Structure formats: C-alpha cells, structure tokens
Amino acid sequence: LLEGEPARLHEQRAAEIMESALSKAAAGHPAVDLHRRTAEGSARRILLDASDGADLLVVGVRRHHGLAGLQLGRVAHTLLHHCACPVAVVPQRG
C-alpha cells in the first residue's frame, strides 16, 4: 500500500476519474443524493460494507460479444446475493 504523498496523489487521481465518470449523470439528476467515496481494497468487501447504509447500490457490468444476456462477474454476483440493500445492475452501452 502507498503511504504519504504517493498515496495522496493516487487517491486524488482516483477521485478525479470518478468525478469525470459521474459528473454528467449527476448534473442530469440533481435531486438524487449521490455519495462519492474512493477506497482501497477488495471491491466486494468495500461495496458490501457500503450497502449497509445505502438505499441503492448501482454496479456496472460489461457485455461479452457473442454471448446472450449479461455475464456477471464475481463482484456483481456477490452483491446480488449478499448486499444489504437493493442492487441495480447496469450493462455497458453498445
């Protein structure tokens, strides 16, 4: 794990990427209370822990060409079975 200035820069970059990814959607829905948080560790554990106080957890999934339907990865599969709140699974566009 990074410490000191490298850790701060790493977290700052992660926050910038997240803000860029969410800014358009957030601006289009100002009434939605969106909580942004960067975290380091297992995605499954971090998202399961976050679900304890959440009204909804949204997770994206990639489409795999040539396969019918959605192919869930380990994180989405775990969340659907163990999350403390409803989960919305959103497929990748195109």
PDB file of N, CA and C in Angstrom:
ATOM      1  N   LEU A   1       0.829  -1.186   0.000  1.00  0.00           N
ATOM      2  CA  LEU A   1       0.000   0.000   0.000  1.00  0.00           C
ATOM      3  C   LEU A   1       0.868   1.242   0.000  1.00  0.00           C
ATOM      4  N   LEU A   2       0.396   2.244  -0.682  1.00  0.00           N
ATOM      5  CA  LEU A   2       1.133   3.507  -0.742  1.00  0.00           C
ATOM      6  C   LEU A   2       0.928   4.304   0.539  1.00  0.00           C
ATOM      7  N   GLU A   3       1.923   5.127   0.852  1.00  0.00           N
ATOM      8  CA  GLU A   3       1.824   5.994   2.025  1.00  0.00           C
ATOM      9  C   GLU A   3       2.278   7.396   1.654  1.00  0.00           C
ATOM     10  N   GLY A   4       1.896   8.373   2.466  1.00  0.00           N
ATOM     11  CA  GLY A   4       2.365   9.744   2.294  1.00  0.00           C
ATOM     12  C   GLY A   4       1.881  10.377   1.003  1.00  0.00           C
ATOM     13  N   GLU A   5       2.770  11.148   0.393  1.00  0.00           N
ATOM     14  CA  GLU A   5       2.430  11.900  -0.823  1.00  0.00           C
ATOM     15  C   GLU A   5       2.006  10.983  -1.982  1.00  0.00           C
ATOM     16  N   PRO A   6       2.681   9.855  -2.250  1.00  0.00           N
ATOM     17  CA  PRO A   6       2.210   8.975  -3.324  1.00  0.00           C
ATOM     18  C   PRO A   6       0.779   8.482  -3.096  1.00  0.00           C
ATOM     19  N   ALA A   7       0.442   8.184  -1.855  1.00  0.00           N
ATOM     20  CA  ALA A   7      -0.920   7.734  -1.550  1.00  0.00           C
ATOM     21  C   ALA A   7      -1.924   8.852  -1.795  1.00  0.00           C
ATOM     22  N   ARG A   8      -1.570  10.070  -1.397  1.00  0.00           N
ATOM     23  CA  ARG A   8      -2.469  11.212  -1.611  1.00  0.00           C
ATOM     24  C   ARG A   8      -2.696  11.451  -3.091  1.00  0.00           C
ATOM     25  N   LEU A   9      -1.635  11.394  -3.889  1.00  0.00           N
ATOM     26  CA  LEU A   9      -1.752  11.601  -5.336  1.00  0.00           C
ATOM     27  C   LEU A   9      -2.569  10.484  -5.989  1.00  0.00           C
ATOM     28  N   HIS A  10      -2.382   9.264  -5.529  1.00  0.00           N
ATOM     29  CA  HIS A  10      -3.136   8.119  -6.050  1.00  0.00           C
ATOM     30  C   HIS A  10      -4.631   8.298  -5.767  1.00  0.00           C
ATOM     31  N   GLU A  11      -4.961   8.683  -4.540  1.00  0.00           N
ATOM     32  CA  GLU A  11      -6.366   8.893  -4.178  1.00  0.00           C
ATOM     33  C   GLU A  11      -6.955  10.090  -4.922  1.00  0.00           C
ATOM     34  N   GLN A  12      -6.173  11.156  -5.093  1.00  0.00           N
ATOM     35  CA  GLN A  12      -6.638  12.327  -5.822  1.00  0.00           C
ATOM     36  C   GLN A  12      -6.967  11.950  -7.261  1.00  0.00           C
ATOM     37  N   ARG A  13      -6.111  11.165  -7.897  1.00  0.00           N
ATOM     38  CA  ARG A  13      -6.351  10.739  -9.283  1.00  0.00           C
ATOM     39  C   ARG A  13      -7.596   9.866  -9.370  1.00  0.00           C
ATOM     40  N   ALA A  14      -7.785   8.965  -8.411  1.00  0.00           N
ATOM     41  CA  ALA A  14      -8.978   8.118  -8.388  1.00  0.00           C
ATOM     42  C   ALA A  14     -10.241   8.967  -8.250  1.00  0.00           C
ATOM     43  N   ALA A  15     -10.204   9.984  -7.401  1.00  0.00           N
ATOM     44  CA  ALA A  15     -11.350  10.870  -7.217  1.00  0.00           C
ATOM     45  C   ALA A  15     -11.647  11.655  -8.489  1.00  0.00           C
ATOM     46  N   GLU A  16     -10.615  12.082  -9.201  1.00  0.00           N
ATOM     47  CA  GLU A  16     -10.801  12.810 -10.462  1.00  0.00           C
ATOM     48  C   GLU A  16     -11.439  11.912 -11.522  1.00  0.00           C
ATOM     49  N   ILE A  17     -10.997  10.673 -11.612  1.00  0.00           N
ATOM     50  CA  ILE A  17     -11.575   9.728 -12.582  1.00  0.00           C
ATOM     51  C   ILE A  17     -13.039   9.467 -12.250  1.00  0.00           C
ATOM     52  N   MET A  18     -13.336   9.273 -10.974  1.00  0.00           N
ATOM     53  CA  MET A  18     -14.709   9.029 -10.562  1.00  0.00           C
ATOM     54  C   MET A  18     -15.589  10.237 -10.867  1.00  0.00           C
ATOM     55  N   GLU A  19     -15.109  11.421 -10.554  1.00  0.00           N
ATOM     56  CA  GLU A  19     -15.882  12.638 -10.809  1.00  0.00           C
ATOM     57  C   GLU A  19     -16.160  12.795 -12.298  1.00  0.00           C
ATOM     58  N   SER A  20     -15.171  12.529 -13.126  1.00  0.00           N
ATOM     59  CA  SER A  20     -15.343  12.614 -14.569  1.00  0.00           C
ATOM     60  C   SER A  20     -16.400  11.622 -15.049  1.00  0.00           C
ATOM     61  N   ALA A  21     -16.387  10.426 -14.504  1.00  0.00           N
ATOM     62  CA  ALA A  21     -17.338   9.392 -14.916  1.00  0.00           C
ATOM     63  C   ALA A  21     -18.765   9.697 -14.461  1.00  0.00           C
ATOM     64  N   LEU A  22     -18.925  10.370 -13.330  1.00  0.00           N
ATOM     65  CA  LEU A  22     -20.252  10.599 -12.760  1.00  0.00           C
ATOM     66  C   LEU A  22     -20.824  11.989 -12.995  1.00  0.00           C
ATOM     67  N   SER A  23     -20.015  12.939 -13.420  1.00  0.00           N
ATOM     68  CA  SER A  23     -20.456  14.333 -13.464  1.00  0.00           C
ATOM     69  C   SER A  23     -21.666  14.567 -14.364  1.00  0.00           C
ATOM     70  N   LYS A  24     -21.698  13.990 -15.534  1.00  0.00           N
ATOM     71  CA  LYS A  24     -22.811  14.206 -16.463  1.00  0.00           C
ATOM     72  C   LYS A  24     -24.103  13.611 -15.902  1.00  0.00           C
ATOM     73  N   ALA A  25     -24.025  12.390 -15.385  1.00  0.00           N
ATOM     74  CA  ALA A  25     -25.216  11.756 -14.815  1.00  0.00           C
ATOM     75  C   ALA A  25     -25.711  12.523 -13.591  1.00  0.00           C
ATOM     76  N   ALA A  26     -24.801  12.962 -12.743  1.00  0.00           N
ATOM     77  CA  ALA A  26     -25.189  13.701 -11.541  1.00  0.00           C
ATOM     78  C   ALA A  26     -25.830  15.035 -11.888  1.00  0.00           C
ATOM     79  N   ALA A  27     -25.301  15.722 -12.886  1.00  0.00           N
ATOM     80  CA  ALA A  27     -25.857  17.013 -13.293  1.00  0.00           C
ATOM     81  C   ALA A  27     -27.265  16.860 -13.866  1.00  0.00           C
ATOM     82  N   GLY A  28     -27.518  15.740 -14.513  1.00  0.00           N
ATOM     83  CA  GLY A  28     -28.834  15.499 -15.098  1.00  0.00           C
ATOM     84  C   GLY A  28     -29.888  15.072 -14.097  1.00  0.00           C
ATOM     85  N   HIS A  29     -29.481  14.754 -12.874  1.00  0.00           N
ATOM     86  CA  HIS A  29     -30.413  14.301 -11.840  1.00  0.00           C
ATOM     87  C   HIS A  29     -30.063  14.957 -10.505  1.00  0.00           C
ATOM     88  N   PRO A  30     -30.273  16.273 -10.402  1.00  0.00           N
ATOM     89  CA  PRO A  30     -29.852  16.996  -9.189  1.00  0.00           C
ATOM     90  C   PRO A  30     -30.589  16.569  -7.923  1.00  0.00           C
ATOM     91  N   ALA A  31     -31.741  15.946  -8.024  1.00  0.00           N
ATOM     92  CA  ALA A  31     -32.494  15.541  -6.843  1.00  0.00           C
ATOM     93  C   ALA A  31     -31.948  14.250  -6.228  1.00  0.00           C
ATOM     94  N   VAL A  32     -31.094  13.542  -6.954  1.00  0.00           N
ATOM     95  CA  VAL A  32     -30.522  12.294  -6.448  1.00  0.00           C
ATOM     96  C   VAL A  32     -29.352  12.612  -5.516  1.00  0.00           C
ATOM     97  N   ASP A  33     -29.399  12.050  -4.331  1.00  0.00           N
ATOM     98  CA  ASP A  33     -28.344  12.255  -3.346  1.00  0.00           C
ATOM     99  C   ASP A  33     -27.244  11.233  -3.607  1.00  0.00           C
ATOM    100  N   LEU A  34     -26.168  11.673  -4.233  1.00  0.00           N
ATOM    101  CA  LEU A  34     -25.078  10.806  -4.648  1.00  0.00           C
ATOM    102  C   LEU A  34     -23.897  10.964  -3.706  1.00  0.00           C
ATOM    103  N   HIS A  35     -23.447   9.858  -3.139  1.00  0.00           N
ATOM    104  CA  HIS A  35     -22.298   9.882  -2.235  1.00  0.00           C
ATOM    105  C   HIS A  35     -21.107   9.280  -2.956  1.00  0.00           C
ATOM    106  N   ARG A  36     -20.052  10.063  -3.095  1.00  0.00           N
ATOM    107  CA  ARG A  36     -18.831   9.600  -3.752  1.00  0.00           C
ATOM    108  C   ARG A  36     -17.776   9.321  -2.688  1.00  0.00           C
ATOM    109  N   ARG A  37     -17.080   8.183  -2.871  1.00  0.00           N
ATOM    110  CA  ARG A  37     -16.034   7.837  -1.915  1.00  0.00           C
ATOM    111  C   ARG A  37     -15.035   6.927  -2.613  1.00  0.00           C
ATOM    112  N   THR A  38     -13.775   7.246  -2.484  1.00  0.00           N
ATOM    113  CA  THR A  38     -12.761   6.347  -3.006  1.00  0.00           C
ATOM    114  C   THR A  38     -12.299   5.461  -1.857  1.00  0.00           C
ATOM    115  N   ALA A  39     -11.918   4.240  -2.208  1.00  0.00           N
ATOM    116  CA  ALA A  39     -11.463   3.296  -1.185  1.00  0.00           C
ATOM    117  C   ALA A  39     -10.482   2.325  -1.818  1.00  0.00           C
ATOM    118  N   GLU A  40      -9.599   1.820  -1.002  1.00  0.00           N
ATOM    119  CA  GLU A  40      -8.629   0.847  -1.473  1.00  0.00           C
ATOM    120  C   GLU A  40      -8.912  -0.480  -0.795  1.00  0.00           C
ATOM    121  N   GLY A  41      -8.940  -1.541  -1.596  1.00  0.00           N
ATOM    122  CA  GLY A  41      -9.179  -2.868  -1.047  1.00  0.00           C
ATOM    123  C   GLY A  41     -10.036  -3.688  -1.984  1.00  0.00           C
ATOM    124  N   SER A  42     -10.565  -4.775  -1.480  1.00  0.00           N
ATOM    125  CA  SER A  42     -11.412  -5.679  -2.252  1.00  0.00           C
ATOM    126  C   SER A  42     -12.722  -4.978  -2.610  1.00  0.00           C
ATOM    127  N   ALA A  43     -13.050  -4.932  -3.900  1.00  0.00           N
ATOM    128  CA  ALA A  43     -14.288  -4.283  -4.340  1.00  0.00           C
ATOM    129  C   ALA A  43     -15.504  -4.939  -3.691  1.00  0.00           C
ATOM    130  N   ARG A  44     -15.496  -6.248  -3.606  1.00  0.00           N
ATOM    131  CA  ARG A  44     -16.631  -6.944  -2.986  1.00  0.00           C
ATOM    132  C   ARG A  44     -16.819  -6.504  -1.539  1.00  0.00           C
ATOM    133  N   ARG A  45     -15.757  -6.478  -0.757  1.00  0.00           N
ATOM    134  CA  ARG A  45     -15.859  -6.123   0.656  1.00  0.00           C
ATOM    135  C   ARG A  45     -16.249  -4.656   0.826  1.00  0.00           C
ATOM    136  N   ILE A  46     -15.637  -3.777   0.065  1.00  0.00           N
ATOM    137  CA  ILE A  46     -15.928  -2.348   0.189  1.00  0.00           C
ATOM    138  C   ILE A  46     -17.388  -2.064  -0.167  1.00  0.00           C
ATOM    139  N   LEU A  47     -17.883  -2.654  -1.258  1.00  0.00           N
ATOM    140  CA  LEU A  47     -19.260  -2.408  -1.670  1.00  0.00           C
ATOM    141  C   LEU A  47     -20.269  -3.064  -0.733  1.00  0.00           C
ATOM    142  N   LEU A  48     -19.973  -4.245  -0.234  1.00  0.00           N
ATOM    143  CA  LEU A  48     -20.872  -4.870   0.748  1.00  0.00           C
ATOM    144  C   LEU A  48     -20.951  -4.032   2.014  1.00  0.00           C
ATOM    145  N   ASP A  49     -19.820  -3.530   2.480  1.00  0.00           N
ATOM    146  CA  ASP A  49     -19.820  -2.665   3.666  1.00  0.00           C
ATOM    147  C   ASP A  49     -20.612  -1.383   3.408  1.00  0.00           C
ATOM    148  N   ALA A  50     -20.457  -0.803   2.222  1.00  0.00           N
ATOM    149  CA  ALA A  50     -21.167   0.435   1.879  1.00  0.00           C
ATOM    150  C   ALA A  50     -22.672   0.206   1.768  1.00  0.00           C
ATOM    151  N   SER A  51     -23.073  -1.001   1.434  1.00  0.00           N
ATOM    152  CA  SER A  51     -24.503  -1.284   1.254  1.00  0.00           C
ATOM    153  C   SER A  51     -25.281  -1.226   2.564  1.00  0.00           C
ATOM    154  N   ASP A  52     -24.604  -1.331   3.692  1.00  0.00           N
ATOM    155  CA  ASP A  52     -25.288  -1.304   4.991  1.00  0.00           C
ATOM    156  C   ASP A  52     -26.093  -0.028   5.200  1.00  0.00           C
ATOM    157  N   GLY A  53     -25.594   1.102   4.746  1.00  0.00           N
ATOM    158  CA  GLY A  53     -26.309   2.357   4.948  1.00  0.00           C
ATOM    159  C   GLY A  53     -26.886   2.941   3.675  1.00  0.00           C
ATOM    160  N   ALA A  54     -26.942   2.137   2.610  1.00  0.00           N
ATOM    161  CA  ALA A  54     -27.375   2.667   1.308  1.00  0.00           C
ATOM    162  C   ALA A  54     -28.832   2.325   1.011  1.00  0.00           C
ATOM    163  N   ASP A  55     -29.466   3.164   0.187  1.00  0.00           N
ATOM    164  CA  ASP A  55     -30.810   2.883  -0.315  1.00  0.00           C
ATOM    165  C   ASP A  55     -30.748   2.054  -1.596  1.00  0.00           C
ATOM    166  N   LEU A  56     -29.662   2.220  -2.348  1.00  0.00           N
ATOM    167  CA  LEU A  56     -29.491   1.511  -3.618  1.00  0.00           C
ATOM    168  C   LEU A  56     -28.010   1.468  -3.950  1.00  0.00           C
ATOM    169  N   LEU A  57     -27.561   0.341  -4.467  1.00  0.00           N
ATOM    170  CA  LEU A  57     -26.188   0.196  -4.930  1.00  0.00           C
ATOM    171  C   LEU A  57     -26.245  -0.092  -6.425  1.00  0.00           C
ATOM    172  N   VAL A  58     -25.556   0.715  -7.213  1.00  0.00           N
ATOM    173  CA  VAL A  58     -25.544   0.556  -8.662  1.00  0.00           C
ATOM    174  C   VAL A  58     -24.196   0.008  -9.080  1.00  0.00           C
ATOM    175  N   VAL A  59     -24.214  -1.072  -9.850  1.00  0.00           N
ATOM    176  CA  VAL A  59     -22.987  -1.694 -10.317  1.00  0.00           C
ATOM    177  C   VAL A  59     -23.097  -1.931 -11.821  1.00  0.00           C
ATOM    178  N   GLY A  60     -22.018  -1.636 -12.528  1.00  0.00           N
ATOM    179  CA  GLY A  60     -21.991  -1.841 -13.969  1.00  0.00           C
ATOM    180  C   GLY A  60     -21.443  -3.207 -14.322  1.00  0.00           C
ATOM    181  N   VAL A  61     -21.882  -3.733 -15.458  1.00  0.00           N
ATOM    182  CA  VAL A  61     -21.340  -4.992 -15.972  1.00  0.00           C
ATOM    183  C   VAL A  61     -21.020  -4.815 -17.447  1.00  0.00           C
ATOM    184  N   ARG A  62     -20.010  -5.526 -17.903  1.00  0.00           N
ATOM    185  CA  ARG A  62     -19.611  -5.470 -19.316  1.00  0.00           C
ATOM    186  C   ARG A  62     -20.379  -6.512 -20.104  1.00  0.00           C
ATOM    187  N   ARG A  63     -20.668  -6.174 -21.340  1.00  0.00           N
ATOM    188  CA  ARG A  63     -21.264  -7.152 -22.254  1.00  0.00           C
ATOM    189  C   ARG A  63     -20.130  -7.910 -22.924  1.00  0.00           C
ATOM    190  N   HIS A  64     -20.306  -9.195 -23.051  1.00  0.00           N
ATOM    191  CA  HIS A  64     -19.309 -10.019 -23.728  1.00  0.00           C
ATOM    192  C   HIS A  64     -19.848 -10.368 -25.104  1.00  0.00           C
ATOM    193  N   HIS A  65     -19.140  -9.965 -26.129  1.00  0.00           N
ATOM    194  CA  HIS A  65     -19.598 -10.172 -27.505  1.00  0.00           C
ATOM    195  C   HIS A  65     -19.795 -11.651 -27.796  1.00  0.00           C
ATOM    196  N   GLY A  66     -20.897 -11.945 -28.471  1.00  0.00           N
ATOM    197  CA  GLY A  66     -21.177 -13.316 -28.858  1.00  0.00           C
ATOM    198  C   GLY A  66     -21.947 -14.111 -27.813  1.00  0.00           C
ATOM    199  N   LEU A  67     -22.148 -13.555 -26.646  1.00  0.00           N
ATOM    200  CA  LEU A  67     -22.881 -14.254 -25.590  1.00  0.00           C
ATOM    201  C   LEU A  67     -24.214 -13.569 -25.357  1.00  0.00           C
ATOM    202  N   ALA A  68     -25.256 -14.354 -25.169  1.00  0.00           N
ATOM    203  CA  ALA A  68     -26.583 -13.801 -24.920  1.00  0.00           C
ATOM    204  C   ALA A  68     -26.691 -13.364 -23.458  1.00  0.00           C
ATOM    205  N   GLY A  69     -27.392 -12.259 -23.228  1.00  0.00           N
ATOM    206  CA  GLY A  69     -27.628 -11.801 -21.870  1.00  0.00           C
ATOM    207  C   GLY A  69     -26.385 -11.211 -21.230  1.00  0.00           C
ATOM    208  N   LEU A  70     -26.481 -10.981 -19.938  1.00  0.00           N
ATOM    209  CA  LEU A  70     -25.371 -10.418 -19.186  1.00  0.00           C
ATOM    210  C   LEU A  70     -24.568 -11.537 -18.541  1.00  0.00           C
ATOM    211  N   GLN A  71     -23.285 -11.389 -18.577  1.00  0.00           N
ATOM    212  CA  GLN A  71     -22.400 -12.326 -17.896  1.00  0.00           C
ATOM    213  C   GLN A  71     -21.859 -11.595 -16.664  1.00  0.00           C
ATOM    214  N   LEU A  72     -22.359 -11.960 -15.492  1.00  0.00           N
ATOM    215  CA  LEU A  72     -21.965 -11.267 -14.273  1.00  0.00           C
ATOM    216  C   LEU A  72     -20.584 -11.707 -13.827  1.00  0.00           C
ATOM    217  N   GLY A  73     -19.818 -10.739 -13.367  1.00  0.00           N
ATOM    218  CA  GLY A  73     -18.521 -11.039 -12.789  1.00  0.00           C
ATOM    219  C   GLY A  73     -18.677 -11.372 -11.317  1.00  0.00           C
ATOM    220  N   ARG A  74     -17.572 -11.622 -10.668  1.00  0.00           N
ATOM    221  CA  ARG A  74     -17.593 -12.015  -9.257  1.00  0.00           C
ATOM    222  C   ARG A  74     -18.171 -10.940  -8.348  1.00  0.00           C
ATOM    223  N   VAL A  75     -17.839  -9.679  -8.633  1.00  0.00           N
ATOM    224  CA  VAL A  75     -18.316  -8.594  -7.764  1.00  0.00           C
ATOM    225  C   VAL A  75     -19.836  -8.462  -7.869  1.00  0.00           C
ATOM    226  N   ALA A  76     -20.359  -8.356  -9.098  1.00  0.00           N
ATOM    227  CA  ALA A  76     -21.810  -8.209  -9.277  1.00  0.00           C
ATOM    228  C   ALA A  76     -22.553  -9.420  -8.711  1.00  0.00           C
ATOM    229  N   HIS A  77     -22.045 -10.606  -8.942  1.00  0.00           N
ATOM    230  CA  HIS A  77     -22.679 -11.820  -8.437  1.00  0.00           C
ATOM    231  C   HIS A  77     -22.738 -11.814  -6.905  1.00  0.00           C
ATOM    232  N   THR A  78     -21.636 -11.464  -6.267  1.00  0.00           N
ATOM    233  CA  THR A  78     -21.593 -11.398  -4.807  1.00  0.00           C
ATOM    234  C   THR A  78     -22.592 -10.372  -4.284  1.00  0.00           C
ATOM    235  N   LEU A  79     -22.635  -9.198  -4.908  1.00  0.00           N
ATOM    236  CA  LEU A  79     -23.539  -8.146  -4.444  1.00  0.00           C
ATOM    237  C   LEU A  79     -24.993  -8.565  -4.560  1.00  0.00           C
ATOM    238  N   LEU A  80     -25.357  -9.221  -5.658  1.00  0.00           N
ATOM    239  CA  LEU A  80     -26.747  -9.647  -5.832  1.00  0.00           C
ATOM    240  C   LEU A  80     -27.178 -10.641  -4.753  1.00  0.00           C
ATOM    241  N   HIS A  81     -26.247 -11.416  -4.244  1.00  0.00           N
ATOM    242  CA  HIS A  81     -26.594 -12.434  -3.257  1.00  0.00           C
ATOM    243  C   HIS A  81     -26.419 -11.993  -1.807  1.00  0.00           C
ATOM    244  N   HIS A  82     -25.597 -10.982  -1.551  1.00  0.00           N
ATOM    245  CA  HIS A  82     -25.263 -10.663  -0.164  1.00  0.00           C
ATOM    246  C   HIS A  82     -25.442  -9.192   0.227  1.00  0.00           C
ATOM    247  N   CYS A  83     -25.880  -8.354  -0.668  1.00  0.00           N
ATOM    248  CA  CYS A  83     -25.990  -6.923  -0.403  1.00  0.00           C
ATOM    249  C   CYS A  83     -27.098  -6.632   0.610  1.00  0.00           C
ATOM    250  N   ALA A  84     -26.888  -5.603   1.431  1.00  0.00           N
ATOM    251  CA  ALA A  84     -27.866  -5.217   2.445  1.00  0.00           C
ATOM    252  C   ALA A  84     -28.930  -4.268   1.900  1.00  0.00           C
ATOM    253  N   CYS A  85     -28.838  -3.904   0.618  1.00  0.00           N
ATOM    254  CA  CYS A  85     -29.804  -3.001   0.000  1.00  0.00           C
ATOM    255  C   CYS A  85     -30.084  -3.499  -1.421  1.00  0.00           C
ATOM    256  N   PRO A  86     -31.081  -2.924  -2.097  1.00  0.00           N
ATOM    257  CA  PRO A  86     -31.323  -3.302  -3.489  1.00  0.00           C
ATOM    258  C   PRO A  86     -30.106  -2.987  -4.364  1.00  0.00           C
ATOM    259  N   VAL A  87     -29.915  -3.782  -5.402  1.00  0.00           N
ATOM    260  CA  VAL A  87     -28.799  -3.617  -6.324  1.00  0.00           C
ATOM    261  C   VAL A  87     -29.347  -3.421  -7.736  1.00  0.00           C
ATOM    262  N   ALA A  88     -28.870  -2.384  -8.421  1.00  0.00           N
ATOM    263  CA  ALA A  88     -29.208  -2.168  -9.826  1.00  0.00           C
ATOM    264  C   ALA A  88     -27.985  -2.559 -10.653  1.00  0.00           C
ATOM    265  N   VAL A  89     -28.182  -3.507 -11.579  1.00  0.00           N
ATOM    266  CA  VAL A  89     -27.106  -3.948 -12.453  1.00  0.00           C
ATOM    267  C   VAL A  89     -27.308  -3.262 -13.798  1.00  0.00           C
ATOM    268  N   VAL A  90     -26.337  -2.441 -14.186  1.00  0.00           N
ATOM    269  CA  VAL A  90     -26.447  -1.629 -15.403  1.00  0.00           C
ATOM    270  C   VAL A  90     -25.434  -2.122 -16.420  1.00  0.00           C
ATOM    271  N   PRO A  91     -25.923  -2.587 -17.592  1.00  0.00           N
ATOM    272  CA  PRO A  91     -24.997  -3.077 -18.612  1.00  0.00           C
ATOM    273  C   PRO A  91     -24.240  -1.949 -19.306  1.00  0.00           C
ATOM    274  N   GLN A  92     -23.077  -2.291 -19.816  1.00  0.00           N
ATOM    275  CA  GLN A  92     -22.258  -1.365 -20.596  1.00  0.00           C
ATOM    276  C   GLN A  92     -23.022  -0.995 -21.863  1.00  0.00           C
ATOM    277  N   ARG A  93     -22.915   0.244 -22.286  1.00  0.00           N
ATOM    278  CA  ARG A  93     -23.569   0.685 -23.514  1.00  0.00           C
ATOM    279  C   ARG A  93     -22.848   0.124 -24.733  1.00  0.00           C
ATOM    280  N   GLY A  94     -23.657  -0.112 -25.779  1.00  0.00           N
ATOM    281  CA  GLY A  94     -23.093  -0.514 -27.074  1.00  0.00           C
ATOM    282  C   GLY A  94     -22.559  -1.848 -27.030  1.00  0.00           C
TER     283      GLY A  94
END
